[in-house]
Amino acid sequence: MSISAINMNTIQLLKRKIVKGAAASLFCGILTIVYNHFGHGVHSVYMDRLFLFPLLLGTAVYALLLFTGIVKNASENAFSLYACGITTLTVGSLLKGVFVIAGTNSPYLIVYWSLGIALLILGAALQLRHSINLKKRSGCQN
């Protein structure tokens, strides 16, 4: 597979997602540095690793999809659901980090983790279904 085999709209969408993921990761890294500066020496793993959600689940996955050519025609709805999953996991990690630093907890944080993972899976499944349907339609025309 090569990048030239991918639909041009998909290439543009993936490039935008890569840039947005990198920007979100940078923002999360800066937020962590600033928050830790004012955190009186108290740190949280959830806050310190906050940048990894948009970096690994966003930028790295989108770059992998772009350079391998696995997805030829992207479903914007699927990619939006997937991005919402990344955002939900990032916000959940941010809140967990704030709660750990504050010395408290919330039973509602599980909602962020559950919903975030569900959105990631749903987005990936929707893209897979979209790709299969396109393949079936193109196979019927031949």
C-alpha atoms as a PDB file:
ATOM      1  CA  MET A   1       0.000   0.000   0.000  1.00  0.00           C
ATOM      2  CA  SER A   2       1.079   3.522  -0.608  1.00  0.00           C
ATOM      3  CA  ILE A   3      -0.240   6.946   0.248  1.00  0.00           C
ATOM      4  CA  SER A   4      -1.118   7.497  -3.414  1.00  0.00           C
ATOM      5  CA  ALA A   5      -3.758   4.736  -3.173  1.00  0.00           C
ATOM      6  CA  ILE A   6      -5.660   6.692  -0.505  1.00  0.00           C
ATOM      7  CA  ASN A   7      -8.533   9.036  -1.323  1.00  0.00           C
ATOM      8  CA  MET A   8      -7.332  12.675  -1.287  1.00  0.00           C
ATOM      9  CA  ASN A   9     -10.013  13.719   1.243  1.00  0.00           C
ATOM     10  CA  THR A  10      -8.835  10.949   3.556  1.00  0.00           C
ATOM     11  CA  ILE A  11      -5.235  12.136   3.272  1.00  0.00           C
ATOM     12  CA  GLN A  12      -6.274  15.681   4.185  1.00  0.00           C
ATOM     13  CA  LEU A  13      -8.440  14.440   7.064  1.00  0.00           C
ATOM     14  CA  LEU A  14      -5.627  12.297   8.479  1.00  0.00           C
ATOM     15  CA  LYS A  15      -3.109  15.138   8.174  1.00  0.00           C
ATOM     16  CA  ARG A  16      -5.479  17.467  10.046  1.00  0.00           C
ATOM     17  CA  LYS A  17      -5.993  14.829  12.735  1.00  0.00           C
ATOM     18  CA  ILE A  18      -2.221  14.362  13.093  1.00  0.00           C
ATOM     19  CA  VAL A  19      -1.676  18.100  13.557  1.00  0.00           C
ATOM     20  CA  LYS A  20      -4.591  18.392  16.009  1.00  0.00           C
ATOM     21  CA  GLY A  21      -3.338  15.413  18.012  1.00  0.00           C
ATOM     22  CA  ALA A  22       0.160  16.858  18.196  1.00  0.00           C
ATOM     23  CA  ALA A  23      -1.223  20.263  19.235  1.00  0.00           C
ATOM     24  CA  ALA A  24      -3.428  18.669  21.916  1.00  0.00           C
ATOM     25  CA  SER A  25      -0.477  16.655  23.189  1.00  0.00           C
ATOM     26  CA  LEU A  26       1.671  19.794  23.359  1.00  0.00           C
ATOM     27  CA  PHE A  27      -1.117  21.667  25.160  1.00  0.00           C
ATOM     28  CA  CYS A  28      -1.494  18.827  27.674  1.00  0.00           C
ATOM     29  CA  GLY A  29       2.258  18.791  28.257  1.00  0.00           C
ATOM     30  CA  ILE A  30       2.344  22.530  28.900  1.00  0.00           C
ATOM     31  CA  LEU A  31      -0.745  22.274  31.143  1.00  0.00           C
ATOM     32  CA  THR A  32       0.969  19.557  33.165  1.00  0.00           C
ATOM     33  CA  ILE A  33       4.133  21.614  33.585  1.00  0.00           C
ATOM     34  CA  VAL A  34       2.181  24.687  34.710  1.00  0.00           C
ATOM     35  CA  TYR A  35      -0.086  22.680  37.032  1.00  0.00           C
ATOM     36  CA  ASN A  36       2.881  20.859  38.595  1.00  0.00           C
ATOM     37  CA  HIS A  37       4.648  24.188  39.105  1.00  0.00           C
ATOM     38  CA  PHE A  38       1.774  25.379  41.277  1.00  0.00           C
ATOM     39  CA  GLY A  39       1.085  21.947  42.816  1.00  0.00           C
ATOM     40  CA  HIS A  40       3.425  22.466  45.804  1.00  0.00           C
ATOM     41  CA  GLY A  41       5.575  19.508  44.827  1.00  0.00           C
ATOM     42  CA  VAL A  42       2.679  17.032  44.654  1.00  0.00           C
ATOM     43  CA  HIS A  43       2.556  15.042  41.413  1.00  0.00           C
ATOM     44  CA  SER A  44       0.167  12.577  39.875  1.00  0.00           C
ATOM     45  CA  VAL A  45       0.916   9.927  37.278  1.00  0.00           C
ATOM     46  CA  TYR A  46      -2.452  10.710  35.670  1.00  0.00           C
ATOM     47  CA  MET A  47      -1.414  14.327  35.215  1.00  0.00           C
ATOM     48  CA  ASP A  48       2.210  13.625  34.278  1.00  0.00           C
ATOM     49  CA  ARG A  49       1.185  11.201  31.502  1.00  0.00           C
ATOM     50  CA  LEU A  50      -1.764  13.277  30.308  1.00  0.00           C
ATOM     51  CA  PHE A  51      -0.097  14.110  26.990  1.00  0.00           C
ATOM     52  CA  LEU A  52       0.128  10.421  26.030  1.00  0.00           C
ATOM     53  CA  PHE A  53      -3.575  10.040  25.199  1.00  0.00           C
ATOM     54  CA  PRO A  54      -3.596  12.522  22.295  1.00  0.00           C
ATOM     55  CA  LEU A  55      -0.049  11.583  21.297  1.00  0.00           C
ATOM     56  CA  LEU A  56      -0.411   7.793  21.142  1.00  0.00           C
ATOM     57  CA  LEU A  57      -4.119   7.329  20.489  1.00  0.00           C
ATOM     58  CA  GLY A  58      -4.333  10.375  18.238  1.00  0.00           C
ATOM     59  CA  THR A  59      -1.186  11.398  16.413  1.00  0.00           C
ATOM     60  CA  ALA A  60       0.464   7.962  16.320  1.00  0.00           C
ATOM     61  CA  VAL A  61      -2.666   6.083  15.217  1.00  0.00           C
ATOM     62  CA  TYR A  62      -3.549   8.650  12.535  1.00  0.00           C
ATOM     63  CA  ALA A  63       0.049   8.675  11.257  1.00  0.00           C
ATOM     64  CA  LEU A  64       0.016   4.879  11.133  1.00  0.00           C
ATOM     65  CA  LEU A  65      -3.223   4.938   9.149  1.00  0.00           C
ATOM     66  CA  LEU A  66      -1.822   7.549   6.766  1.00  0.00           C
ATOM     67  CA  PHE A  67       1.519   5.893   6.098  1.00  0.00           C
ATOM     68  CA  THR A  68       0.255   2.317   5.856  1.00  0.00           C
ATOM     69  CA  GLY A  69      -2.747   3.158   3.701  1.00  0.00           C
ATOM     70  CA  ILE A  70      -5.044   0.873   5.688  1.00  0.00           C
ATOM     71  CA  VAL A  71      -7.941   3.318   5.418  1.00  0.00           C
ATOM     72  CA  LYS A  72      -8.552   4.403   1.842  1.00  0.00           C
ATOM     73  CA  ASN A  73     -11.863   6.229   2.390  1.00  0.00           C
ATOM     74  CA  ALA A  74     -12.408   7.668   5.837  1.00  0.00           C
ATOM     75  CA  SER A  75     -15.764   8.087   7.498  1.00  0.00           C
ATOM     76  CA  GLU A  76     -15.742  11.493   9.162  1.00  0.00           C
ATOM     77  CA  ASN A  77     -18.363  10.314  11.658  1.00  0.00           C
ATOM     78  CA  ALA A  78     -16.169   7.394  12.693  1.00  0.00           C
ATOM     79  CA  PHE A  79     -13.114   9.611  13.062  1.00  0.00           C
ATOM     80  CA  SER A  80     -15.152  12.122  15.080  1.00  0.00           C
ATOM     81  CA  LEU A  81     -16.340   9.415  17.472  1.00  0.00           C
ATOM     82  CA  TYR A  82     -12.781   8.169  17.833  1.00  0.00           C
ATOM     83  CA  ALA A  83     -11.558  11.721  18.530  1.00  0.00           C
ATOM     84  CA  CYS A  84     -14.308  12.150  21.145  1.00  0.00           C
ATOM     85  CA  GLY A  85     -13.015   8.981  22.808  1.00  0.00           C
ATOM     86  CA  ILE A  86      -9.499  10.420  22.960  1.00  0.00           C
ATOM     87  CA  THR A  87     -10.833  13.670  24.396  1.00  0.00           C
ATOM     88  CA  THR A  88     -12.933  11.848  26.987  1.00  0.00           C
ATOM     89  CA  LEU A  89      -9.972   9.759  28.137  1.00  0.00           C
ATOM     90  CA  THR A  90      -7.777  12.863  28.300  1.00  0.00           C
ATOM     91  CA  VAL A  91     -10.301  14.803  30.377  1.00  0.00           C
ATOM     92  CA  GLY A  92     -10.800  11.771  32.637  1.00  0.00           C
ATOM     93  CA  SER A  93      -7.058  11.544  33.197  1.00  0.00           C
ATOM     94  CA  LEU A  94      -6.874  15.285  33.867  1.00  0.00           C
ATOM     95  CA  LEU A  95      -9.659  15.084  36.465  1.00  0.00           C
ATOM     96  CA  LYS A  96      -8.136  11.993  38.093  1.00  0.00           C
ATOM     97  CA  GLY A  97      -4.801  13.821  38.279  1.00  0.00           C
ATOM     98  CA  VAL A  98      -6.402  16.883  39.858  1.00  0.00           C
ATOM     99  CA  PHE A  99      -8.254  14.696  42.370  1.00  0.00           C
ATOM    100  CA  VAL A 100      -5.095  12.757  43.268  1.00  0.00           C
ATOM    101  CA  ILE A 101      -3.151  15.984  43.784  1.00  0.00           C
ATOM    102  CA  ALA A 102      -6.018  17.389  45.869  1.00  0.00           C
ATOM    103  CA  GLY A 103      -6.111  14.188  47.923  1.00  0.00           C
ATOM    104  CA  THR A 104      -9.666  13.240  47.064  1.00  0.00           C
ATOM    105  CA  ASN A 105     -11.516  10.906  44.709  1.00  0.00           C
ATOM    106  CA  SER A 106     -14.797  10.598  42.855  1.00  0.00           C
ATOM    107  CA  PRO A 107     -16.820   7.507  42.039  1.00  0.00           C
ATOM    108  CA  TYR A 108     -17.888   9.135  38.768  1.00  0.00           C
ATOM    109  CA  LEU A 109     -14.437   9.000  37.156  1.00  0.00           C
ATOM    110  CA  ILE A 110     -15.161   5.471  35.922  1.00  0.00           C
ATOM    111  CA  VAL A 111     -17.693   7.046  33.571  1.00  0.00           C
ATOM    112  CA  TYR A 112     -14.891   8.883  31.741  1.00  0.00           C
ATOM    113  CA  TRP A 113     -12.816   5.732  31.314  1.00  0.00           C
ATOM    114  CA  SER A 114     -15.783   3.591  30.252  1.00  0.00           C
ATOM    115  CA  LEU A 115     -17.239   6.158  27.885  1.00  0.00           C
ATOM    116  CA  GLY A 116     -13.842   7.009  26.401  1.00  0.00           C
ATOM    117  CA  ILE A 117     -13.015   3.395  25.637  1.00  0.00           C
ATOM    118  CA  ALA A 118     -16.531   2.796  24.281  1.00  0.00           C
ATOM    119  CA  LEU A 119     -16.209   5.796  21.937  1.00  0.00           C
ATOM    120  CA  LEU A 120     -12.806   4.596  20.699  1.00  0.00           C
ATOM    121  CA  ILE A 121     -14.173   1.137  19.967  1.00  0.00           C
ATOM    122  CA  LEU A 122     -17.355   2.517  18.402  1.00  0.00           C
ATOM    123  CA  GLY A 123     -15.380   4.866  16.145  1.00  0.00           C
ATOM    124  CA  ALA A 124     -13.050   2.077  15.023  1.00  0.00           C
ATOM    125  CA  ALA A 125     -15.981  -0.297  14.432  1.00  0.00           C
ATOM    126  CA  LEU A 126     -17.877   2.346  12.448  1.00  0.00           C
ATOM    127  CA  GLN A 127     -14.818   2.949  10.243  1.00  0.00           C
ATOM    128  CA  LEU A 128     -14.399  -0.795   9.732  1.00  0.00           C
ATOM    129  CA  ARG A 129     -18.062  -1.114   8.742  1.00  0.00           C
ATOM    130  CA  HIS A 130     -17.717   1.856   6.389  1.00  0.00           C
ATOM    131  CA  SER A 131     -14.663   0.298   4.730  1.00  0.00           C
ATOM    132  CA  ILE A 132     -16.358  -3.095   4.369  1.00  0.00           C
ATOM    133  CA  ASN A 133     -19.471  -1.515   2.844  1.00  0.00           C
ATOM    134  CA  LEU A 134     -17.346   0.424   0.342  1.00  0.00           C
ATOM    135  CA  LYS A 135     -15.464  -2.736  -0.560  1.00  0.00           C
ATOM    136  CA  LYS A 136     -18.727  -4.651  -1.103  1.00  0.00           C
ATOM    137  CA  ARG A 137     -20.145  -1.866  -3.280  1.00  0.00           C
ATOM    138  CA  SER A 138     -17.012  -1.634  -5.413  1.00  0.00           C
ATOM    139  CA  GLY A 139     -16.879  -5.444  -5.683  1.00  0.00           C
ATOM    140  CA  CYS A 140     -20.461  -5.571  -6.974  1.00  0.00           C
ATOM    141  CA  GLN A 141     -19.706  -3.090  -9.741  1.00  0.00           C
ATOM    142  CA  ASN A 142     -16.868  -5.121 -11.234  1.00  0.00           C
END
